[in-house]
Amino acid sequence: MTEGHSYLAPGRKYDRLDAMPSIVDGKEVFGFKNKQQTDILTDRALHFVRQNRAKPFFLFFNPFVTHQGYWSTVPDEDVALYKDKPLTVTDLSRFPEAKMDEAGLRRLMRIYYGSIACADRNLGRLLSALDELSLTENTIFIFMADNGMSCRCSKASMA
């Protein structure tokens, strides 16, 4: 992350989200940042669901692509959805710490909205698979969200 602050308590092994490893098959993996990160995470979740569909299971699916430290992993096709959309910034003075012009903020907005589209697309893949496997009626979904973007200027509306 280049903006924002740590969400982790002092004294922890990792004091920044971008310094934390991913856990893959029980092993710490550093630097897992590529354009297909959320798609790979979803593929693994789909594999888990298919392998465990005959018995009760717990799946914690946490696409973190919407956090600014992971914006480099937003697939280009998801950002492109907002290429020609009018993204209006009504009052740039509301973002004094952003230190960017209106065009720069619009670019960040497109990436952020693309990250939401990426998470939504992959959640849709997971929900469709549960439907196809006839598991939807016997599944409890808990949707959670945190406070949004991790940049210091995020406590206000983006528009």
N, C-alpha and C. Protein backbone atom coordinates (compact mmCIF):
# COMPACT_ATOMS: atom_id res chain seq x y z
N MET A 1 0.84 -1.18 0.00
CA MET A 1 0.00 0.00 0.00
C MET A 1 0.88 1.24 0.00
N THR A 2 0.48 2.18 -0.77
CA THR A 2 1.21 3.43 -0.76
C THR A 2 0.46 4.49 0.02
N GLU A 3 -0.79 4.27 0.28
CA GLU A 3 -1.62 5.19 1.05
C GLU A 3 -2.20 4.43 2.23
N GLY A 4 -2.84 5.13 3.11
CA GLY A 4 -3.57 4.47 4.17
C GLY A 4 -2.73 4.18 5.39
N HIS A 5 -3.22 3.27 6.18
CA HIS A 5 -2.57 2.95 7.43
C HIS A 5 -2.73 1.47 7.71
N SER A 6 -2.01 0.99 8.70
CA SER A 6 -2.07 -0.42 9.05
C SER A 6 -3.39 -0.73 9.74
N TYR A 7 -3.96 -1.88 9.40
CA TYR A 7 -5.15 -2.35 10.08
C TYR A 7 -4.79 -3.37 11.15
N LEU A 8 -3.52 -3.60 11.34
CA LEU A 8 -3.06 -4.65 12.24
C LEU A 8 -2.55 -4.05 13.54
N ALA A 9 -2.76 -4.77 14.61
CA ALA A 9 -2.33 -4.29 15.92
C ALA A 9 -0.80 -4.23 15.99
N PRO A 10 -0.25 -3.24 16.71
CA PRO A 10 1.20 -3.16 16.87
C PRO A 10 1.74 -4.43 17.52
N GLY A 11 2.96 -4.78 17.16
CA GLY A 11 3.58 -5.96 17.75
C GLY A 11 3.29 -7.25 17.01
N ARG A 12 2.47 -7.18 15.97
CA ARG A 12 2.18 -8.37 15.18
C ARG A 12 3.37 -8.68 14.28
N LYS A 13 3.45 -9.91 13.81
CA LYS A 13 4.56 -10.31 12.94
C LYS A 13 4.61 -9.43 11.69
N TYR A 14 3.44 -9.11 11.12
CA TYR A 14 3.36 -8.27 9.93
C TYR A 14 2.60 -7.01 10.31
N ASP A 15 3.16 -5.86 10.00
CA ASP A 15 2.49 -4.62 10.40
C ASP A 15 1.80 -3.91 9.24
N ARG A 16 1.85 -4.49 8.05
CA ARG A 16 1.16 -3.91 6.90
C ARG A 16 0.51 -5.03 6.11
N LEU A 17 -0.66 -4.74 5.55
CA LEU A 17 -1.37 -5.76 4.76
C LEU A 17 -0.54 -6.23 3.57
N ASP A 18 0.18 -5.31 2.92
CA ASP A 18 0.93 -5.71 1.73
C ASP A 18 2.18 -6.51 2.07
N ALA A 19 2.55 -6.58 3.34
CA ALA A 19 3.70 -7.39 3.75
C ALA A 19 3.30 -8.79 4.18
N MET A 20 2.00 -9.00 4.34
CA MET A 20 1.52 -10.30 4.80
C MET A 20 1.54 -11.32 3.67
N PRO A 21 1.86 -12.56 3.98
CA PRO A 21 1.82 -13.60 2.95
C PRO A 21 0.39 -14.08 2.73
N SER A 22 0.17 -14.69 1.59
CA SER A 22 -1.05 -15.45 1.37
C SER A 22 -0.80 -16.85 1.91
N ILE A 23 -1.83 -17.53 2.35
CA ILE A 23 -1.70 -18.91 2.79
C ILE A 23 -2.29 -19.78 1.69
N VAL A 24 -1.46 -20.58 1.06
CA VAL A 24 -1.87 -21.47 -0.02
C VAL A 24 -1.50 -22.89 0.37
N ASP A 25 -2.50 -23.74 0.48
CA ASP A 25 -2.28 -25.13 0.90
C ASP A 25 -1.50 -25.20 2.21
N GLY A 26 -1.81 -24.30 3.13
CA GLY A 26 -1.19 -24.31 4.44
C GLY A 26 0.21 -23.73 4.49
N LYS A 27 0.70 -23.16 3.39
CA LYS A 27 2.05 -22.59 3.35
C LYS A 27 1.98 -21.11 3.05
N GLU A 28 2.93 -20.36 3.65
CA GLU A 28 2.99 -18.93 3.38
C GLU A 28 3.58 -18.68 2.00
N VAL A 29 2.91 -17.85 1.21
CA VAL A 29 3.38 -17.50 -0.12
C VAL A 29 3.42 -15.98 -0.21
N PHE A 30 4.58 -15.43 -0.51
CA PHE A 30 4.72 -13.98 -0.63
C PHE A 30 4.66 -13.57 -2.10
N GLY A 31 4.21 -12.37 -2.33
CA GLY A 31 4.23 -11.81 -3.67
C GLY A 31 3.19 -12.41 -4.61
N PHE A 32 2.08 -12.91 -4.07
CA PHE A 32 1.03 -13.50 -4.90
C PHE A 32 0.18 -12.37 -5.46
N LYS A 33 0.74 -11.66 -6.43
CA LYS A 33 0.03 -10.52 -7.02
C LYS A 33 0.09 -10.63 -8.53
N ASN A 34 -0.98 -11.07 -9.13
CA ASN A 34 -1.06 -11.07 -10.58
C ASN A 34 -2.48 -10.72 -10.99
N LYS A 35 -2.68 -10.49 -12.26
CA LYS A 35 -3.97 -10.01 -12.75
C LYS A 35 -5.10 -11.01 -12.58
N GLN A 36 -4.78 -12.27 -12.35
CA GLN A 36 -5.81 -13.28 -12.21
C GLN A 36 -5.97 -13.74 -10.76
N GLN A 37 -5.45 -12.99 -9.81
CA GLN A 37 -5.46 -13.41 -8.41
C GLN A 37 -6.87 -13.78 -7.93
N THR A 38 -7.85 -12.94 -8.16
CA THR A 38 -9.21 -13.21 -7.69
C THR A 38 -9.83 -14.38 -8.45
N ASP A 39 -9.53 -14.49 -9.75
CA ASP A 39 -10.01 -15.63 -10.52
C ASP A 39 -9.42 -16.93 -9.98
N ILE A 40 -8.13 -16.92 -9.63
CA ILE A 40 -7.48 -18.11 -9.08
C ILE A 40 -8.10 -18.47 -7.73
N LEU A 41 -8.32 -17.46 -6.89
CA LEU A 41 -8.96 -17.69 -5.59
C LEU A 41 -10.34 -18.32 -5.79
N THR A 42 -11.09 -17.81 -6.75
CA THR A 42 -12.42 -18.36 -7.03
C THR A 42 -12.33 -19.78 -7.57
N ASP A 43 -11.39 -20.03 -8.46
CA ASP A 43 -11.20 -21.39 -8.98
C ASP A 43 -10.94 -22.37 -7.85
N ARG A 44 -10.12 -21.96 -6.89
CA ARG A 44 -9.82 -22.84 -5.74
C ARG A 44 -11.06 -23.05 -4.88
N ALA A 45 -11.86 -21.99 -4.70
CA ALA A 45 -13.10 -22.12 -3.93
C ALA A 45 -14.07 -23.06 -4.65
N LEU A 46 -14.17 -22.94 -5.96
CA LEU A 46 -15.06 -23.82 -6.74
C LEU A 46 -14.60 -25.27 -6.64
N HIS A 47 -13.31 -25.48 -6.71
CA HIS A 47 -12.77 -26.84 -6.57
C HIS A 47 -13.13 -27.41 -5.19
N PHE A 48 -12.96 -26.60 -4.15
CA PHE A 48 -13.29 -27.04 -2.79
C PHE A 48 -14.77 -27.41 -2.67
N VAL A 49 -15.64 -26.56 -3.20
CA VAL A 49 -17.09 -26.81 -3.12
C VAL A 49 -17.44 -28.11 -3.85
N ARG A 50 -16.89 -28.28 -5.03
CA ARG A 50 -17.21 -29.50 -5.80
C ARG A 50 -16.71 -30.76 -5.09
N GLN A 51 -15.53 -30.68 -4.48
CA GLN A 51 -14.99 -31.85 -3.79
C GLN A 51 -15.74 -32.17 -2.50
N ASN A 52 -16.36 -31.17 -1.90
CA ASN A 52 -17.00 -31.37 -0.60
C ASN A 52 -18.52 -31.29 -0.65
N ARG A 53 -19.10 -31.31 -1.82
CA ARG A 53 -20.55 -31.10 -1.96
C ARG A 53 -21.41 -32.16 -1.29
N ALA A 54 -20.87 -33.34 -1.03
CA ALA A 54 -21.67 -34.43 -0.46
C ALA A 54 -21.78 -34.36 1.06
N LYS A 55 -21.04 -33.45 1.68
CA LYS A 55 -21.07 -33.34 3.14
C LYS A 55 -21.06 -31.87 3.54
N PRO A 56 -21.44 -31.56 4.77
CA PRO A 56 -21.40 -30.16 5.22
C PRO A 56 -19.97 -29.61 5.15
N PHE A 57 -19.87 -28.37 4.76
CA PHE A 57 -18.55 -27.74 4.69
C PHE A 57 -18.66 -26.27 5.06
N PHE A 58 -17.52 -25.68 5.37
CA PHE A 58 -17.43 -24.25 5.63
C PHE A 58 -16.43 -23.68 4.64
N LEU A 59 -16.82 -22.62 3.97
CA LEU A 59 -15.93 -21.94 3.04
C LEU A 59 -15.92 -20.46 3.38
N PHE A 60 -14.76 -19.93 3.63
CA PHE A 60 -14.59 -18.49 3.83
C PHE A 60 -13.98 -17.95 2.55
N PHE A 61 -14.78 -17.24 1.78
CA PHE A 61 -14.35 -16.71 0.48
C PHE A 61 -14.13 -15.22 0.65
N ASN A 62 -12.90 -14.78 0.50
CA ASN A 62 -12.54 -13.41 0.83
C ASN A 62 -11.75 -12.76 -0.30
N PRO A 63 -12.44 -12.32 -1.36
CA PRO A 63 -11.69 -11.61 -2.41
C PRO A 63 -11.31 -10.22 -1.91
N PHE A 64 -10.03 -9.96 -1.86
CA PHE A 64 -9.55 -8.70 -1.29
C PHE A 64 -9.09 -7.73 -2.36
N VAL A 65 -9.51 -7.96 -3.60
CA VAL A 65 -9.10 -7.14 -4.73
C VAL A 65 -9.51 -5.68 -4.58
N THR A 66 -10.55 -5.39 -3.80
CA THR A 66 -11.01 -4.01 -3.67
C THR A 66 -10.11 -3.16 -2.78
N HIS A 67 -9.17 -3.76 -2.08
CA HIS A 67 -8.26 -2.98 -1.24
C HIS A 67 -7.13 -2.40 -2.09
N GLN A 68 -6.80 -1.16 -1.84
CA GLN A 68 -5.86 -0.43 -2.68
C GLN A 68 -4.53 -1.14 -2.85
N GLY A 69 -4.04 -1.83 -1.87
CA GLY A 69 -2.78 -2.55 -1.99
C GLY A 69 -2.82 -3.65 -3.03
N TYR A 70 -4.02 -4.02 -3.48
CA TYR A 70 -4.18 -5.09 -4.45
C TYR A 70 -4.72 -4.59 -5.79
N TRP A 71 -4.79 -3.27 -6.00
CA TRP A 71 -5.35 -2.74 -7.23
C TRP A 71 -4.55 -3.15 -8.45
N SER A 72 -3.28 -3.48 -8.28
CA SER A 72 -2.49 -3.92 -9.43
C SER A 72 -2.97 -5.28 -9.93
N THR A 73 -3.80 -5.97 -9.14
CA THR A 73 -4.30 -7.29 -9.53
C THR A 73 -5.67 -7.22 -10.21
N VAL A 74 -6.22 -6.04 -10.38
CA VAL A 74 -7.54 -5.91 -11.02
C VAL A 74 -7.37 -6.20 -12.51
N PRO A 75 -8.07 -7.21 -13.04
CA PRO A 75 -7.94 -7.51 -14.47
C PRO A 75 -8.33 -6.32 -15.34
N ASP A 76 -7.58 -6.13 -16.41
CA ASP A 76 -7.82 -5.00 -17.31
C ASP A 76 -9.24 -4.97 -17.84
N GLU A 77 -9.82 -6.16 -18.10
CA GLU A 77 -11.18 -6.19 -18.66
C GLU A 77 -12.21 -5.67 -17.66
N ASP A 78 -11.94 -5.79 -16.36
CA ASP A 78 -12.87 -5.25 -15.36
C ASP A 78 -12.74 -3.74 -15.27
N VAL A 79 -11.52 -3.22 -15.38
CA VAL A 79 -11.32 -1.76 -15.38
C VAL A 79 -11.93 -1.17 -16.65
N ALA A 80 -11.81 -1.89 -17.77
CA ALA A 80 -12.32 -1.39 -19.06
C ALA A 80 -13.83 -1.19 -19.05
N LEU A 81 -14.54 -1.86 -18.15
CA LEU A 81 -15.99 -1.67 -18.06
C LEU A 81 -16.35 -0.21 -17.78
N TYR A 82 -15.42 0.52 -17.19
CA TYR A 82 -15.67 1.91 -16.79
C TYR A 82 -14.91 2.92 -17.64
N LYS A 83 -14.35 2.45 -18.75
CA LYS A 83 -13.54 3.32 -19.61
C LYS A 83 -14.31 4.53 -20.10
N ASP A 84 -15.51 4.32 -20.58
CA ASP A 84 -16.29 5.42 -21.17
C ASP A 84 -17.40 5.93 -20.25
N LYS A 85 -17.37 5.53 -19.00
CA LYS A 85 -18.40 5.99 -18.06
C LYS A 85 -18.02 7.38 -17.53
N PRO A 86 -18.99 8.27 -17.45
CA PRO A 86 -18.69 9.58 -16.87
C PRO A 86 -18.57 9.47 -15.35
N LEU A 87 -17.39 9.67 -14.85
CA LEU A 87 -17.14 9.61 -13.41
C LEU A 87 -16.87 11.03 -12.94
N THR A 88 -17.83 11.60 -12.29
CA THR A 88 -17.76 13.01 -11.91
C THR A 88 -17.20 13.16 -10.51
N VAL A 89 -16.24 14.02 -10.40
CA VAL A 89 -15.71 14.41 -9.10
C VAL A 89 -16.25 15.81 -8.85
N THR A 90 -17.17 15.93 -7.92
CA THR A 90 -17.84 17.21 -7.73
C THR A 90 -17.01 18.22 -6.95
N ASP A 91 -16.16 17.75 -6.06
CA ASP A 91 -15.40 18.68 -5.23
C ASP A 91 -14.06 18.04 -4.87
N LEU A 92 -13.04 18.31 -5.67
CA LEU A 92 -11.72 17.72 -5.46
C LEU A 92 -11.11 18.14 -4.13
N SER A 93 -11.55 19.25 -3.58
CA SER A 93 -11.00 19.71 -2.30
C SER A 93 -11.37 18.77 -1.15
N ARG A 94 -12.34 17.87 -1.38
CA ARG A 94 -12.71 16.89 -0.35
C ARG A 94 -11.63 15.83 -0.19
N PHE A 95 -10.66 15.78 -1.11
CA PHE A 95 -9.61 14.78 -1.09
C PHE A 95 -8.24 15.44 -1.02
N PRO A 96 -7.98 16.28 -0.02
CA PRO A 96 -6.72 17.03 0.01
C PRO A 96 -5.48 16.14 0.09
N GLU A 97 -5.59 14.99 0.72
CA GLU A 97 -4.42 14.12 0.86
C GLU A 97 -4.16 13.30 -0.39
N ALA A 98 -5.08 13.29 -1.32
CA ALA A 98 -4.90 12.50 -2.54
C ALA A 98 -3.79 13.09 -3.41
N LYS A 99 -3.60 14.38 -3.35
CA LYS A 99 -2.55 15.07 -4.10
C LYS A 99 -2.54 14.67 -5.57
N MET A 100 -3.70 14.76 -6.20
CA MET A 100 -3.78 14.45 -7.62
C MET A 100 -4.83 15.33 -8.26
N ASP A 101 -4.75 15.40 -9.57
CA ASP A 101 -5.74 16.20 -10.29
C ASP A 101 -6.99 15.36 -10.54
N GLU A 102 -7.97 16.00 -11.15
CA GLU A 102 -9.25 15.34 -11.38
C GLU A 102 -9.11 14.11 -12.28
N ALA A 103 -8.27 14.18 -13.30
CA ALA A 103 -8.07 13.03 -14.20
C ALA A 103 -7.45 11.86 -13.44
N GLY A 104 -6.50 12.15 -12.56
CA GLY A 104 -5.88 11.09 -11.76
C GLY A 104 -6.87 10.42 -10.83
N LEU A 105 -7.74 11.22 -10.23
CA LEU A 105 -8.75 10.65 -9.34
C LEU A 105 -9.76 9.82 -10.12
N ARG A 106 -10.12 10.29 -11.32
CA ARG A 106 -11.03 9.49 -12.17
C ARG A 106 -10.39 8.15 -12.53
N ARG A 107 -9.08 8.15 -12.82
CA ARG A 107 -8.38 6.90 -13.13
C ARG A 107 -8.46 5.95 -11.94
N LEU A 108 -8.23 6.45 -10.73
CA LEU A 108 -8.33 5.61 -9.53
C LEU A 108 -9.75 5.11 -9.32
N MET A 109 -10.73 5.95 -9.62
CA MET A 109 -12.13 5.53 -9.49
C MET A 109 -12.43 4.38 -10.43
N ARG A 110 -11.91 4.45 -11.67
CA ARG A 110 -12.14 3.36 -12.63
C ARG A 110 -11.52 2.06 -12.12
N ILE A 111 -10.33 2.14 -11.56
CA ILE A 111 -9.68 0.94 -11.03
C ILE A 111 -10.48 0.40 -9.85
N TYR A 112 -10.91 1.28 -8.96
CA TYR A 112 -11.69 0.84 -7.80
C TYR A 112 -13.00 0.19 -8.24
N TYR A 113 -13.73 0.84 -9.15
CA TYR A 113 -14.99 0.26 -9.63
C TYR A 113 -14.72 -1.05 -10.37
N GLY A 114 -13.61 -1.13 -11.10
CA GLY A 114 -13.23 -2.38 -11.75
C GLY A 114 -12.95 -3.47 -10.74
N SER A 115 -12.37 -3.10 -9.60
CA SER A 115 -12.10 -4.10 -8.55
C SER A 115 -13.40 -4.64 -7.98
N ILE A 116 -14.40 -3.78 -7.85
CA ILE A 116 -15.71 -4.24 -7.37
C ILE A 116 -16.34 -5.17 -8.41
N ALA A 117 -16.22 -4.81 -9.69
CA ALA A 117 -16.75 -5.66 -10.76
C ALA A 117 -16.07 -7.03 -10.74
N CYS A 118 -14.77 -7.05 -10.50
CA CYS A 118 -14.02 -8.31 -10.43
C CYS A 118 -14.53 -9.18 -9.29
N ALA A 119 -14.68 -8.58 -8.11
CA ALA A 119 -15.18 -9.34 -6.96
C ALA A 119 -16.60 -9.83 -7.22
N ASP A 120 -17.44 -8.98 -7.80
CA ASP A 120 -18.82 -9.34 -8.10
C ASP A 120 -18.90 -10.46 -9.13
N ARG A 121 -18.10 -10.37 -10.17
CA ARG A 121 -18.09 -11.40 -11.21
C ARG A 121 -17.71 -12.76 -10.62
N ASN A 122 -16.71 -12.76 -9.76
CA ASN A 122 -16.26 -14.02 -9.18
C ASN A 122 -17.22 -14.56 -8.13
N LEU A 123 -17.85 -13.69 -7.37
CA LEU A 123 -18.89 -14.15 -6.45
C LEU A 123 -20.03 -14.77 -7.25
N GLY A 124 -20.36 -14.18 -8.38
CA GLY A 124 -21.38 -14.74 -9.26
C GLY A 124 -21.01 -16.13 -9.75
N ARG A 125 -19.75 -16.34 -10.06
CA ARG A 125 -19.30 -17.68 -10.47
C ARG A 125 -19.53 -18.69 -9.36
N LEU A 126 -19.22 -18.29 -8.13
CA LEU A 126 -19.38 -19.19 -6.99
C LEU A 126 -20.86 -19.48 -6.74
N LEU A 127 -21.70 -18.46 -6.77
CA LEU A 127 -23.14 -18.66 -6.55
C LEU A 127 -23.76 -19.52 -7.66
N SER A 128 -23.32 -19.32 -8.89
CA SER A 128 -23.82 -20.15 -10.00
C SER A 128 -23.46 -21.61 -9.81
N ALA A 129 -22.24 -21.87 -9.36
CA ALA A 129 -21.82 -23.26 -9.12
C ALA A 129 -22.65 -23.89 -8.02
N LEU A 130 -22.95 -23.14 -6.96
CA LEU A 130 -23.80 -23.69 -5.90
C LEU A 130 -25.19 -24.02 -6.43
N ASP A 131 -25.72 -23.16 -7.32
CA ASP A 131 -27.01 -23.46 -7.96
C ASP A 131 -26.92 -24.73 -8.80
N GLU A 132 -25.88 -24.82 -9.62
CA GLU A 132 -25.71 -25.99 -10.50
C GLU A 132 -25.59 -27.29 -9.70
N LEU A 133 -24.98 -27.21 -8.52
CA LEU A 133 -24.79 -28.40 -7.68
C LEU A 133 -25.97 -28.63 -6.74
N SER A 134 -27.02 -27.83 -6.87
CA SER A 134 -28.22 -27.90 -6.01
C SER A 134 -27.87 -27.74 -4.53
N LEU A 135 -26.94 -26.86 -4.25
CA LEU A 135 -26.53 -26.61 -2.87
C LEU A 135 -27.06 -25.30 -2.30
N THR A 136 -27.65 -24.47 -3.14
CA THR A 136 -28.07 -23.14 -2.70
C THR A 136 -29.08 -23.18 -1.56
N GLU A 137 -30.06 -24.06 -1.65
CA GLU A 137 -31.11 -24.13 -0.64
C GLU A 137 -30.60 -24.64 0.71
N ASN A 138 -29.46 -25.28 0.73
CA ASN A 138 -28.91 -25.83 1.96
C ASN A 138 -27.62 -25.12 2.35
N THR A 139 -27.51 -23.86 1.95
CA THR A 139 -26.29 -23.09 2.20
C THR A 139 -26.65 -21.80 2.92
N ILE A 140 -25.86 -21.46 3.90
CA ILE A 140 -26.01 -20.18 4.60
C ILE A 140 -24.95 -19.24 4.04
N PHE A 141 -25.39 -18.08 3.56
CA PHE A 141 -24.49 -17.07 3.04
C PHE A 141 -24.40 -15.93 4.04
N ILE A 142 -23.21 -15.53 4.36
CA ILE A 142 -22.99 -14.37 5.22
C ILE A 142 -22.13 -13.40 4.42
N PHE A 143 -22.70 -12.27 4.05
CA PHE A 143 -21.97 -11.26 3.30
C PHE A 143 -21.50 -10.19 4.27
N MET A 144 -20.23 -9.87 4.19
CA MET A 144 -19.66 -8.84 5.07
C MET A 144 -18.86 -7.87 4.22
N ALA A 145 -18.76 -6.66 4.70
CA ALA A 145 -17.92 -5.67 4.04
C ALA A 145 -17.23 -4.85 5.12
N ASP A 146 -16.07 -4.36 4.78
CA ASP A 146 -15.39 -3.48 5.72
C ASP A 146 -15.66 -2.04 5.32
N ASN A 147 -14.80 -1.15 5.70
CA ASN A 147 -15.07 0.27 5.47
C ASN A 147 -14.64 0.77 4.11
N GLY A 148 -14.32 -0.13 3.20
CA GLY A 148 -14.01 0.32 1.84
C GLY A 148 -12.55 0.55 1.59
N MET A 149 -12.27 1.51 0.75
CA MET A 149 -10.90 1.76 0.30
C MET A 149 -9.98 2.06 1.48
N SER A 150 -8.72 1.73 1.29
CA SER A 150 -7.76 1.91 2.38
C SER A 150 -7.01 3.23 2.31
N CYS A 151 -7.35 4.11 1.39
CA CYS A 151 -6.62 5.38 1.34
C CYS A 151 -7.18 6.36 2.36
N ARG A 152 -6.38 7.30 2.73
CA ARG A 152 -6.75 8.23 3.80
C ARG A 152 -7.97 9.07 3.44
N CYS A 153 -8.22 9.23 2.17
CA CYS A 153 -9.33 10.10 1.76
C CYS A 153 -10.62 9.32 1.60
N SER A 154 -10.70 8.09 2.09
CA SER A 154 -11.84 7.23 1.79
C SER A 154 -13.03 7.40 2.70
N LYS A 155 -12.98 8.26 3.65
CA LYS A 155 -14.11 8.41 4.57
C LYS A 155 -15.21 9.28 3.98
N ALA A 156 -15.09 9.61 2.72
CA ALA A 156 -16.11 10.42 2.04
C ALA A 156 -16.52 9.70 0.76
N SER A 157 -17.61 10.14 0.20
CA SER A 157 -18.09 9.58 -1.06
C SER A 157 -17.07 9.80 -2.17
N MET A 158 -17.01 8.86 -3.11
CA MET A 158 -16.09 9.02 -4.24
C MET A 158 -16.61 10.01 -5.27
N ALA A 159 -17.89 10.36 -5.20
CA ALA A 159 -18.43 11.28 -6.22
C ALA A 159 -18.70 12.64 -5.64
